[in-house]
Amino acid sequence: MSLPLLQRRLYKDKVMRTVMRVLTWLSLFLLVAIGIGLFFKSRLILSEHSLWELLSGREWKPLSGEFGFLPFIVGTLFVTALSIAIALPIALLSALFLTEYAGSWVKRVVFPIFDILAGIPSVVYGVWGTLIIVPWIADRLGPKFVDYTSGYTVLASGVVLGVMILPILVSLLIEIFTIVPQDYREASASLGATKWQTCWKVILRKALPGIVAAVVLSISKAFGETIAVLMVCGNYAAIPRSLFDPCYPLPALIANNYGEMLSLPLYESALMFAAFILFFIILIFNIISRWVLRNIERNFKL
């Protein structure tokens, strides 16, 4: 190789390394900038009320100066946890079936279906939840457990959100199970293990860090879903005491009120603080998840 050609290649490599470094730092700067921007937009409400008063307050009466965010925080956590509880077992078993049991023709049929489900707008899921899930809960399921429910409940929100995140969770798990080396399966079979024993004892154990990462990504997506949840949650600012009570997650609060309340500085600041709370919850959740994932990778190796 001639010297000029080698120099050009080294120069291109140096340029690309610099570009990638700049883009990496730019993404980190964008994260910090979002957090700082939300904090500064929230300063007005923080100057009027203490942080503890805002986070622990149960009353939401903006025109009276009462801004209690606890019902919204609890509603967000309840709906997200329920959606993961619904979607994760289905996604795990579906991904295992498609990677370990299903024939090639089944995969050719099912994979496009998941792609279609992942591409459906969230408002369509919201309409489906309003027309199907809400009446089913109000007329059939709810009366078996409570005296009355409108159907616009934590359960309806969890079901709709669980169906929404199911395609992406299945797709991620399929990719994770696919990259588990075939040698592990063959070694397990040579020891007399059944297909299910191999899936349970070998594949899931080897893929555990990836499963945790997929769940973290799905939860992060579930935290921010707005339109579909807004349409079925009931939008009632109170702490839900059962699955058949209405709720009011933080994204729904912001989407419902932001456009109408820009003329009220304190109300606008309160909504920006709601966005900051959501940002902070997701950030802390991801930091804790990375720590858990690192421990899993250290302790659960085959």
C-alpha atoms as a PDB file:
ATOM      1  CA  MET A   1       0.000   0.000   0.000  1.00  0.00           C
ATOM      2  CA  SER A   2       1.374   3.385  -0.996  1.00  0.00           C
ATOM      3  CA  LEU A   3       2.102   5.969   1.664  1.00  0.00           C
ATOM      4  CA  PRO A   4      -0.441   8.588   0.420  1.00  0.00           C
ATOM      5  CA  LEU A   5      -3.213   5.975   0.378  1.00  0.00           C
ATOM      6  CA  LEU A   6      -2.332   4.864   3.906  1.00  0.00           C
ATOM      7  CA  GLN A   7      -2.328   8.470   5.114  1.00  0.00           C
ATOM      8  CA  ARG A   8      -5.762   9.087   3.593  1.00  0.00           C
ATOM      9  CA  ARG A   9      -7.161   5.991   5.301  1.00  0.00           C
ATOM     10  CA  LEU A  10      -5.672   7.013   8.641  1.00  0.00           C
ATOM     11  CA  TYR A  11      -7.039  10.538   8.178  1.00  0.00           C
ATOM     12  CA  LYS A  12     -10.571   9.210   7.421  1.00  0.00           C
ATOM     13  CA  ASP A  13     -10.377   6.931  10.456  1.00  0.00           C
ATOM     14  CA  LYS A  14      -9.366   9.869  12.653  1.00  0.00           C
ATOM     15  CA  VAL A  15     -12.172  12.043  11.271  1.00  0.00           C
ATOM     16  CA  MET A  16     -14.822   9.360  11.842  1.00  0.00           C
ATOM     17  CA  ARG A  17     -13.554   8.709  15.363  1.00  0.00           C
ATOM     18  CA  THR A  18     -13.840  12.430  16.110  1.00  0.00           C
ATOM     19  CA  VAL A  19     -17.340  12.620  14.619  1.00  0.00           C
ATOM     20  CA  MET A  20     -18.532   9.640  16.674  1.00  0.00           C
ATOM     21  CA  ARG A  21     -17.024  11.125  19.830  1.00  0.00           C
ATOM     22  CA  VAL A  22     -18.744  14.472  19.190  1.00  0.00           C
ATOM     23  CA  LEU A  23     -22.101  12.799  18.532  1.00  0.00           C
ATOM     24  CA  THR A  24     -21.752  10.722  21.702  1.00  0.00           C
ATOM     25  CA  TRP A  25     -21.065  13.780  23.834  1.00  0.00           C
ATOM     26  CA  LEU A  26     -23.836  15.647  22.037  1.00  0.00           C
ATOM     27  CA  SER A  27     -26.373  12.992  23.047  1.00  0.00           C
ATOM     28  CA  LEU A  28     -25.238  13.244  26.670  1.00  0.00           C
ATOM     29  CA  PHE A  29     -25.401  17.036  26.494  1.00  0.00           C
ATOM     30  CA  LEU A  30     -28.942  16.813  25.083  1.00  0.00           C
ATOM     31  CA  LEU A  31     -30.029  14.684  28.052  1.00  0.00           C
ATOM     32  CA  VAL A  32     -28.548  17.158  30.515  1.00  0.00           C
ATOM     33  CA  ALA A  33     -30.034  20.108  28.611  1.00  0.00           C
ATOM     34  CA  ILE A  34     -33.526  18.601  28.753  1.00  0.00           C
ATOM     35  CA  GLY A  35     -33.251  18.071  32.500  1.00  0.00           C
ATOM     36  CA  ILE A  36     -31.917  21.583  33.133  1.00  0.00           C
ATOM     37  CA  GLY A  37     -34.557  23.141  30.905  1.00  0.00           C
ATOM     38  CA  LEU A  38     -37.409  21.375  32.686  1.00  0.00           C
ATOM     39  CA  PHE A  39     -35.953  22.323  36.066  1.00  0.00           C
ATOM     40  CA  PHE A  40     -35.704  26.013  35.191  1.00  0.00           C
ATOM     41  CA  LYS A  41     -39.257  26.009  33.829  1.00  0.00           C
ATOM     42  CA  SER A  42     -40.347  24.488  37.159  1.00  0.00           C
ATOM     43  CA  ARG A  43     -38.689  27.090  39.378  1.00  0.00           C
ATOM     44  CA  LEU A  44     -41.851  29.153  39.805  1.00  0.00           C
ATOM     45  CA  ILE A  45     -43.879  26.313  41.326  1.00  0.00           C
ATOM     46  CA  LEU A  46     -40.879  25.290  43.452  1.00  0.00           C
ATOM     47  CA  SER A  47     -40.588  28.826  44.800  1.00  0.00           C
ATOM     48  CA  GLU A  48     -44.262  28.820  45.805  1.00  0.00           C
ATOM     49  CA  HIS A  49     -44.402  25.309  47.320  1.00  0.00           C
ATOM     50  CA  SER A  50     -41.870  23.021  48.954  1.00  0.00           C
ATOM     51  CA  LEU A  51     -40.719  19.916  47.122  1.00  0.00           C
ATOM     52  CA  TRP A  52     -42.195  17.652  49.798  1.00  0.00           C
ATOM     53  CA  GLU A  53     -45.528  19.452  49.627  1.00  0.00           C
ATOM     54  CA  LEU A  54     -45.678  18.958  45.859  1.00  0.00           C
ATOM     55  CA  LEU A  55     -44.649  15.306  45.870  1.00  0.00           C
ATOM     56  CA  SER A  56     -46.774  14.223  48.836  1.00  0.00           C
ATOM     57  CA  GLY A  57     -49.840  16.374  48.243  1.00  0.00           C
ATOM     58  CA  ARG A  58     -53.067  14.599  47.289  1.00  0.00           C
ATOM     59  CA  GLU A  59     -55.169  17.575  46.182  1.00  0.00           C
ATOM     60  CA  TRP A  60     -55.031  18.935  42.641  1.00  0.00           C
ATOM     61  CA  LYS A  61     -56.868  22.271  42.554  1.00  0.00           C
ATOM     62  CA  PRO A  62     -54.698  24.624  40.466  1.00  0.00           C
ATOM     63  CA  LEU A  63     -57.120  27.558  40.596  1.00  0.00           C
ATOM     64  CA  SER A  64     -56.950  27.361  44.410  1.00  0.00           C
ATOM     65  CA  GLY A  65     -53.169  27.035  44.433  1.00  0.00           C
ATOM     66  CA  GLU A  66     -53.117  23.341  45.450  1.00  0.00           C
ATOM     67  CA  PHE A  67     -50.721  21.208  43.400  1.00  0.00           C
ATOM     68  CA  GLY A  68     -50.460  17.694  44.778  1.00  0.00           C
ATOM     69  CA  PHE A  69     -48.637  15.334  42.426  1.00  0.00           C
ATOM     70  CA  LEU A  70     -48.879  12.126  44.457  1.00  0.00           C
ATOM     71  CA  PRO A  71     -52.010  10.783  42.676  1.00  0.00           C
ATOM     72  CA  PHE A  72     -50.342  11.283  39.299  1.00  0.00           C
ATOM     73  CA  ILE A  73     -47.090   9.626  40.355  1.00  0.00           C
ATOM     74  CA  VAL A  74     -48.915   6.644  41.849  1.00  0.00           C
ATOM     75  CA  GLY A  75     -51.145   6.369  38.788  1.00  0.00           C
ATOM     76  CA  THR A  76     -48.110   6.375  36.471  1.00  0.00           C
ATOM     77  CA  LEU A  77     -46.338   3.664  38.474  1.00  0.00           C
ATOM     78  CA  PHE A  78     -49.461   1.491  38.798  1.00  0.00           C
ATOM     79  CA  VAL A  79     -50.301   1.586  35.092  1.00  0.00           C
ATOM     80  CA  THR A  80     -46.709   0.938  34.024  1.00  0.00           C
ATOM     81  CA  ALA A  81     -46.233  -1.951  36.467  1.00  0.00           C
ATOM     82  CA  LEU A  82     -49.514  -3.538  35.412  1.00  0.00           C
ATOM     83  CA  SER A  83     -48.694  -3.241  31.713  1.00  0.00           C
ATOM     84  CA  ILE A  84     -45.329  -4.971  32.226  1.00  0.00           C
ATOM     85  CA  ALA A  85     -46.962  -7.678  34.368  1.00  0.00           C
ATOM     86  CA  ILE A  86     -49.369  -8.350  31.498  1.00  0.00           C
ATOM     87  CA  ALA A  87     -46.938  -8.085  28.594  1.00  0.00           C
ATOM     88  CA  LEU A  88     -43.796  -9.777  29.944  1.00  0.00           C
ATOM     89  CA  PRO A  89     -45.085 -13.372  30.414  1.00  0.00           C
ATOM     90  CA  ILE A  90     -46.815 -13.281  27.024  1.00  0.00           C
ATOM     91  CA  ALA A  91     -43.743 -11.836  25.342  1.00  0.00           C
ATOM     92  CA  LEU A  92     -41.364 -14.340  26.965  1.00  0.00           C
ATOM     93  CA  LEU A  93     -43.409 -17.393  26.002  1.00  0.00           C
ATOM     94  CA  SER A  94     -44.117 -16.039  22.517  1.00  0.00           C
ATOM     95  CA  ALA A  95     -40.455 -15.308  21.875  1.00  0.00           C
ATOM     96  CA  LEU A  96     -39.405 -18.744  23.146  1.00  0.00           C
ATOM     97  CA  PHE A  97     -41.994 -20.433  20.943  1.00  0.00           C
ATOM     98  CA  LEU A  98     -40.952 -18.493  17.846  1.00  0.00           C
ATOM     99  CA  THR A  99     -37.237 -19.108  18.350  1.00  0.00           C
ATOM    100  CA  GLU A 100     -37.239 -22.677  19.695  1.00  0.00           C
ATOM    101  CA  TYR A 101     -40.426 -24.423  18.573  1.00  0.00           C
ATOM    102  CA  ALA A 102     -42.060 -22.696  15.595  1.00  0.00           C
ATOM    103  CA  GLY A 103     -41.440 -23.694  12.015  1.00  0.00           C
ATOM    104  CA  SER A 104     -40.152 -21.300   9.406  1.00  0.00           C
ATOM    105  CA  TRP A 105     -43.626 -20.749   7.904  1.00  0.00           C
ATOM    106  CA  VAL A 106     -44.983 -19.695  11.301  1.00  0.00           C
ATOM    107  CA  LYS A 107     -42.226 -17.119  11.634  1.00  0.00           C
ATOM    108  CA  ARG A 108     -42.953 -15.763   8.154  1.00  0.00           C
ATOM    109  CA  VAL A 109     -46.574 -15.221   9.175  1.00  0.00           C
ATOM    110  CA  VAL A 110     -46.100 -13.965  12.747  1.00  0.00           C
ATOM    111  CA  PHE A 111     -43.150 -11.574  12.316  1.00  0.00           C
ATOM    112  CA  PRO A 112     -44.981  -9.229   9.921  1.00  0.00           C
ATOM    113  CA  ILE A 113     -47.950  -9.197  12.311  1.00  0.00           C
ATOM    114  CA  PHE A 114     -45.746  -7.948  15.141  1.00  0.00           C
ATOM    115  CA  ASP A 115     -44.267  -5.328  12.804  1.00  0.00           C
ATOM    116  CA  ILE A 116     -47.773  -4.131  11.966  1.00  0.00           C
ATOM    117  CA  LEU A 117     -48.766  -4.004  15.641  1.00  0.00           C
ATOM    118  CA  ALA A 118     -45.637  -2.001  16.459  1.00  0.00           C
ATOM    119  CA  GLY A 119     -46.467   0.513  13.741  1.00  0.00           C
ATOM    120  CA  ILE A 120     -50.098   1.148  14.692  1.00  0.00           C
ATOM    121  CA  PRO A 121     -50.576   4.700  16.066  1.00  0.00           C
ATOM    122  CA  SER A 122     -51.266   4.883  19.776  1.00  0.00           C
ATOM    123  CA  VAL A 123     -54.596   6.628  19.196  1.00  0.00           C
ATOM    124  CA  VAL A 124     -55.850   3.482  17.448  1.00  0.00           C
ATOM    125  CA  TYR A 125     -55.037   1.458  20.563  1.00  0.00           C
ATOM    126  CA  GLY A 126     -56.872   4.091  22.569  1.00  0.00           C
ATOM    127  CA  VAL A 127     -59.982   3.786  20.397  1.00  0.00           C
ATOM    128  CA  TRP A 128     -59.800  -0.017  20.671  1.00  0.00           C
ATOM    129  CA  GLY A 129     -59.546   0.266  24.437  1.00  0.00           C
ATOM    130  CA  THR A 130     -62.461   2.691  24.604  1.00  0.00           C
ATOM    131  CA  LEU A 131     -64.750   0.568  22.420  1.00  0.00           C
ATOM    132  CA  ILE A 132     -63.785  -2.928  23.624  1.00  0.00           C
ATOM    133  CA  ILE A 133     -61.848  -3.004  26.901  1.00  0.00           C
ATOM    134  CA  VAL A 134     -63.698  -0.266  28.793  1.00  0.00           C
ATOM    135  CA  PRO A 135     -67.224  -1.689  28.184  1.00  0.00           C
ATOM    136  CA  TRP A 136     -65.996  -5.206  28.962  1.00  0.00           C
ATOM    137  CA  ILE A 137     -64.612  -4.075  32.320  1.00  0.00           C
ATOM    138  CA  ALA A 138     -67.678  -1.946  33.121  1.00  0.00           C
ATOM    139  CA  ASP A 139     -70.326  -4.520  32.156  1.00  0.00           C
ATOM    140  CA  ARG A 140     -68.746  -7.933  32.666  1.00  0.00           C
ATOM    141  CA  LEU A 141     -65.559  -8.044  34.719  1.00  0.00           C
ATOM    142  CA  GLY A 142     -66.041  -5.131  37.112  1.00  0.00           C
ATOM    143  CA  PRO A 143     -69.424  -6.170  38.600  1.00  0.00           C
ATOM    144  CA  LYS A 144     -67.877  -9.446  39.751  1.00  0.00           C
ATOM    145  CA  PHE A 145     -65.439  -7.594  42.037  1.00  0.00           C
ATOM    146  CA  VAL A 146     -66.857  -4.134  42.835  1.00  0.00           C
ATOM    147  CA  ASP A 147     -70.274  -2.526  43.107  1.00  0.00           C
ATOM    148  CA  TYR A 148     -69.659  -0.069  40.298  1.00  0.00           C
ATOM    149  CA  THR A 149     -66.939   0.872  37.858  1.00  0.00           C
ATOM    150  CA  SER A 150     -67.071   3.094  34.807  1.00  0.00           C
ATOM    151  CA  GLY A 151     -64.571   0.929  32.946  1.00  0.00           C
ATOM    152  CA  TYR A 152     -62.111   3.809  32.652  1.00  0.00           C
ATOM    153  CA  THR A 153     -59.718   2.315  35.136  1.00  0.00           C
ATOM    154  CA  VAL A 154     -56.172   1.332  36.002  1.00  0.00           C
ATOM    155  CA  LEU A 155     -56.929  -2.104  34.574  1.00  0.00           C
ATOM    156  CA  ALA A 156     -58.062  -0.727  31.214  1.00  0.00           C
ATOM    157  CA  SER A 157     -54.964   1.462  31.036  1.00  0.00           C
ATOM    158  CA  GLY A 158     -52.685  -1.449  31.921  1.00  0.00           C
ATOM    159  CA  VAL A 159     -54.272  -3.743  29.332  1.00  0.00           C
ATOM    160  CA  VAL A 160     -54.062  -1.176  26.530  1.00  0.00           C
ATOM    161  CA  LEU A 161     -50.508  -0.193  27.421  1.00  0.00           C
ATOM    162  CA  GLY A 162     -49.476  -3.854  27.768  1.00  0.00           C
ATOM    163  CA  VAL A 163     -50.777  -4.602  24.267  1.00  0.00           C
ATOM    164  CA  MET A 164     -48.967  -1.536  22.945  1.00  0.00           C
ATOM    165  CA  ILE A 165     -45.545  -2.534  24.278  1.00  0.00           C
ATOM    166  CA  LEU A 166     -45.986  -6.249  23.506  1.00  0.00           C
ATOM    167  CA  PRO A 167     -44.696  -6.104  19.888  1.00  0.00           C
ATOM    168  CA  ILE A 168     -41.475  -4.280  20.728  1.00  0.00           C
ATOM    169  CA  LEU A 169     -40.865  -6.531  23.733  1.00  0.00           C
ATOM    170  CA  VAL A 170     -41.382  -9.694  21.670  1.00  0.00           C
ATOM    171  CA  SER A 171     -39.089  -8.385  18.925  1.00  0.00           C
ATOM    172  CA  LEU A 172     -36.335  -7.577  21.407  1.00  0.00           C
ATOM    173  CA  LEU A 173     -36.619 -10.958  23.135  1.00  0.00           C
ATOM    174  CA  ILE A 174     -36.515 -12.816  19.817  1.00  0.00           C
ATOM    175  CA  GLU A 175     -33.280 -11.039  18.932  1.00  0.00           C
ATOM    176  CA  ILE A 176     -31.848 -11.846  22.355  1.00  0.00           C
ATOM    177  CA  PHE A 177     -32.781 -15.554  22.229  1.00  0.00           C
ATOM    178  CA  THR A 178     -31.509 -15.851  18.659  1.00  0.00           C
ATOM    179  CA  ILE A 179     -27.978 -14.763  19.566  1.00  0.00           C
ATOM    180  CA  VAL A 180     -27.652 -17.415  22.292  1.00  0.00           C
ATOM    181  CA  PRO A 181     -25.059 -19.810  20.762  1.00  0.00           C
ATOM    182  CA  GLN A 182     -26.422 -23.056  19.353  1.00  0.00           C
ATOM    183  CA  ASP A 183     -23.689 -24.937  21.262  1.00  0.00           C
ATOM    184  CA  TYR A 184     -25.592 -24.367  24.509  1.00  0.00           C
ATOM    185  CA  ARG A 185     -28.693 -26.029  23.113  1.00  0.00           C
ATOM    186  CA  GLU A 186     -26.751 -28.971  21.756  1.00  0.00           C
ATOM    187  CA  ALA A 187     -24.852 -29.442  25.030  1.00  0.00           C
ATOM    188  CA  SER A 188     -28.103 -29.390  26.995  1.00  0.00           C
ATOM    189  CA  ALA A 189     -29.738 -31.910  24.653  1.00  0.00           C
ATOM    190  CA  SER A 190     -26.708 -34.202  24.884  1.00  0.00           C
ATOM    191  CA  LEU A 191     -27.201 -34.350  28.652  1.00  0.00           C
ATOM    192  CA  GLY A 192     -30.779 -35.560  28.185  1.00  0.00           C
ATOM    193  CA  ALA A 193     -32.629 -32.304  28.798  1.00  0.00           C
ATOM    194  CA  THR A 194     -35.980 -31.766  27.117  1.00  0.00           C
ATOM    195  CA  LYS A 195     -36.659 -28.776  24.909  1.00  0.00           C
ATOM    196  CA  TRP A 196     -38.497 -26.974  27.711  1.00  0.00           C
ATOM    197  CA  GLN A 197     -35.734 -27.744  30.231  1.00  0.00           C
ATOM    198  CA  THR A 198     -33.223 -26.303  27.793  1.00  0.00           C
ATOM    199  CA  CYS A 199     -35.335 -23.170  27.393  1.00  0.00           C
ATOM    200  CA  TRP A 200     -35.884 -22.750  31.130  1.00  0.00           C
ATOM    201  CA  LYS A 201     -32.473 -23.726  32.501  1.00  0.00           C
ATOM    202  CA  VAL A 202     -30.136 -22.675  29.707  1.00  0.00           C
ATOM    203  CA  ILE A 203     -31.528 -20.143  27.258  1.00  0.00           C
ATOM    204  CA  LEU A 204     -33.339 -17.950  29.799  1.00  0.00           C
ATOM    205  CA  ARG A 205     -30.341 -18.024  32.129  1.00  0.00           C
ATOM    206  CA  LYS A 206     -27.888 -17.117  29.398  1.00  0.00           C
ATOM    207  CA  ALA A 207     -30.187 -14.422  28.026  1.00  0.00           C
ATOM    208  CA  LEU A 208     -31.105 -12.934  31.424  1.00  0.00           C
ATOM    209  CA  PRO A 209     -29.055  -9.722  31.030  1.00  0.00           C
ATOM    210  CA  GLY A 210     -30.638  -9.130  27.639  1.00  0.00           C
ATOM    211  CA  ILE A 211     -34.108  -9.840  29.032  1.00  0.00           C
ATOM    212  CA  VAL A 212     -33.571  -7.269  31.775  1.00  0.00           C
ATOM    213  CA  ALA A 213     -32.357  -4.722  29.210  1.00  0.00           C
ATOM    214  CA  ALA A 214     -35.432  -5.379  27.022  1.00  0.00           C
ATOM    215  CA  VAL A 215     -37.769  -4.951  29.990  1.00  0.00           C
ATOM    216  CA  VAL A 216     -36.029  -1.698  30.941  1.00  0.00           C
ATOM    217  CA  LEU A 217     -36.461  -0.358  27.420  1.00  0.00           C
ATOM    218  CA  SER A 218     -40.125  -1.393  27.387  1.00  0.00           C
ATOM    219  CA  ILE A 219     -40.786   0.216  30.772  1.00  0.00           C
ATOM    220  CA  SER A 220     -39.137   3.436  29.614  1.00  0.00           C
ATOM    221  CA  LYS A 221     -41.434   3.432  26.594  1.00  0.00           C
ATOM    222  CA  ALA A 222     -44.473   2.647  28.764  1.00  0.00           C
ATOM    223  CA  PHE A 223     -43.736   5.547  31.119  1.00  0.00           C
ATOM    224  CA  GLY A 224     -44.164   8.077  28.334  1.00  0.00           C
ATOM    225  CA  GLU A 225     -47.151   6.708  26.429  1.00  0.00           C
ATOM    226  CA  THR A 226     -49.841   9.362  26.427  1.00  0.00           C
ATOM    227  CA  ILE A 227     -52.768   9.311  24.014  1.00  0.00           C
ATOM    228  CA  ALA A 228     -53.937   5.705  24.396  1.00  0.00           C
ATOM    229  CA  VAL A 229     -53.685   5.792  28.190  1.00  0.00           C
ATOM    230  CA  LEU A 230     -55.334   9.204  28.327  1.00  0.00           C
ATOM    231  CA  MET A 231     -58.373   7.817  26.502  1.00  0.00           C
ATOM    232  CA  VAL A 232     -59.016   4.938  28.936  1.00  0.00           C
ATOM    233  CA  CYS A 233     -57.580   5.935  32.329  1.00  0.00           C
ATOM    234  CA  GLY A 234     -60.516   8.053  33.552  1.00  0.00           C
ATOM    235  CA  ASN A 235     -58.416  11.185  34.183  1.00  0.00           C
ATOM    236  CA  TYR A 236     -59.414  11.408  37.846  1.00  0.00           C
ATOM    237  CA  ALA A 237     -56.863  13.003  40.184  1.00  0.00           C
ATOM    238  CA  ALA A 238     -57.018  10.589  43.108  1.00  0.00           C
ATOM    239  CA  ILE A 239     -54.854   7.720  44.283  1.00  0.00           C
ATOM    240  CA  PRO A 240     -56.353   4.492  42.887  1.00  0.00           C
ATOM    241  CA  ARG A 241     -57.124   1.905  45.543  1.00  0.00           C
ATOM    242  CA  SER A 242     -57.884  -0.984  43.199  1.00  0.00           C
ATOM    243  CA  LEU A 243     -57.567  -1.990  39.564  1.00  0.00           C
ATOM    244  CA  PHE A 244     -61.153  -0.843  39.015  1.00  0.00           C
ATOM    245  CA  ASP A 245     -60.550   2.751  40.068  1.00  0.00           C
ATOM    246  CA  PRO A 246     -59.759   5.545  37.595  1.00  0.00           C
ATOM    247  CA  CYS A 247     -56.293   7.066  37.551  1.00  0.00           C
ATOM    248  CA  TYR A 248     -54.418   9.994  36.057  1.00  0.00           C
ATOM    249  CA  PRO A 249     -50.826   9.298  34.915  1.00  0.00           C
ATOM    250  CA  LEU A 250     -48.364  12.152  34.487  1.00  0.00           C
ATOM    251  CA  PRO A 251     -48.254  12.062  30.647  1.00  0.00           C
ATOM    252  CA  ALA A 252     -52.053  12.326  30.527  1.00  0.00           C
ATOM    253  CA  LEU A 253     -51.958  15.293  32.915  1.00  0.00           C
ATOM    254  CA  ILE A 254     -49.515  17.159  30.679  1.00  0.00           C
ATOM    255  CA  ALA A 255     -51.346  16.331  27.444  1.00  0.00           C
ATOM    256  CA  ASN A 256     -54.753  17.257  28.855  1.00  0.00           C
ATOM    257  CA  ASN A 257     -53.859  20.621  30.322  1.00  0.00           C
ATOM    258  CA  TYR A 258     -50.752  22.153  28.785  1.00  0.00           C
ATOM    259  CA  GLY A 259     -52.310  23.892  25.784  1.00  0.00           C
ATOM    260  CA  GLU A 260     -55.137  25.445  27.784  1.00  0.00           C
ATOM    261  CA  MET A 261     -53.143  26.788  30.719  1.00  0.00           C
ATOM    262  CA  LEU A 262     -50.266  28.688  29.119  1.00  0.00           C
ATOM    263  CA  SER A 263     -51.843  31.956  30.283  1.00  0.00           C
ATOM    264  CA  LEU A 264     -51.412  30.929  33.933  1.00  0.00           C
ATOM    265  CA  PRO A 265     -47.682  30.989  34.742  1.00  0.00           C
ATOM    266  CA  LEU A 266     -48.001  28.985  37.960  1.00  0.00           C
ATOM    267  CA  TYR A 267     -50.100  26.290  36.251  1.00  0.00           C
ATOM    268  CA  GLU A 268     -47.651  26.116  33.337  1.00  0.00           C
ATOM    269  CA  SER A 269     -44.789  25.764  35.791  1.00  0.00           C
ATOM    270  CA  ALA A 270     -46.666  22.968  37.570  1.00  0.00           C
ATOM    271  CA  LEU A 271     -47.058  21.082  34.301  1.00  0.00           C
ATOM    272  CA  MET A 272     -43.359  21.556  33.557  1.00  0.00           C
ATOM    273  CA  PHE A 273     -42.648  20.165  37.007  1.00  0.00           C
ATOM    274  CA  ALA A 274     -44.809  17.152  36.129  1.00  0.00           C
ATOM    275  CA  ALA A 275     -42.644  16.637  33.045  1.00  0.00           C
ATOM    276  CA  PHE A 276     -39.526  17.000  35.210  1.00  0.00           C
ATOM    277  CA  ILE A 277     -40.862  14.372  37.648  1.00  0.00           C
ATOM    278  CA  LEU A 278     -41.463  11.978  34.748  1.00  0.00           C
ATOM    279  CA  PHE A 279     -37.989  12.697  33.358  1.00  0.00           C
ATOM    280  CA  PHE A 280     -36.424  12.127  36.775  1.00  0.00           C
ATOM    281  CA  ILE A 281     -38.341   8.876  37.382  1.00  0.00           C
ATOM    282  CA  ILE A 282     -37.210   7.445  34.053  1.00  0.00           C
ATOM    283  CA  LEU A 283     -33.623   8.592  34.638  1.00  0.00           C
ATOM    284  CA  ILE A 284     -33.412   7.062  38.118  1.00  0.00           C
ATOM    285  CA  PHE A 285     -35.117   3.888  36.925  1.00  0.00           C
ATOM    286  CA  ASN A 286     -32.582   3.475  34.121  1.00  0.00           C
ATOM    287  CA  ILE A 287     -29.637   4.120  36.440  1.00  0.00           C
ATOM    288  CA  ILE A 288     -30.886   1.509  38.919  1.00  0.00           C
ATOM    289  CA  SER A 289     -31.607  -0.898  36.073  1.00  0.00           C
ATOM    290  CA  ARG A 290     -28.073  -0.527  34.722  1.00  0.00           C
ATOM    291  CA  TRP A 291     -26.701  -1.318  38.179  1.00  0.00           C
ATOM    292  CA  VAL A 292     -28.940  -4.390  38.465  1.00  0.00           C
ATOM    293  CA  LEU A 293     -27.995  -5.461  34.944  1.00  0.00           C
ATOM    294  CA  ARG A 294     -24.295  -5.200  35.749  1.00  0.00           C
ATOM    295  CA  ASN A 295     -24.751  -7.394  38.826  1.00  0.00           C
ATOM    296  CA  ILE A 296     -26.729  -9.933  36.809  1.00  0.00           C
ATOM    297  CA  GLU A 297     -24.033 -10.092  34.153  1.00  0.00           C
ATOM    298  CA  ARG A 298     -21.430 -10.642  36.881  1.00  0.00           C
ATOM    299  CA  ASN A 299     -23.323 -13.317  38.825  1.00  0.00           C
ATOM    300  CA  PHE A 300     -25.365 -15.229  36.243  1.00  0.00           C
ATOM    301  CA  LYS A 301     -22.870 -16.554  33.781  1.00  0.00           C
ATOM    302  CA  LEU A 302     -22.977 -20.074  32.495  1.00  0.00           C
END
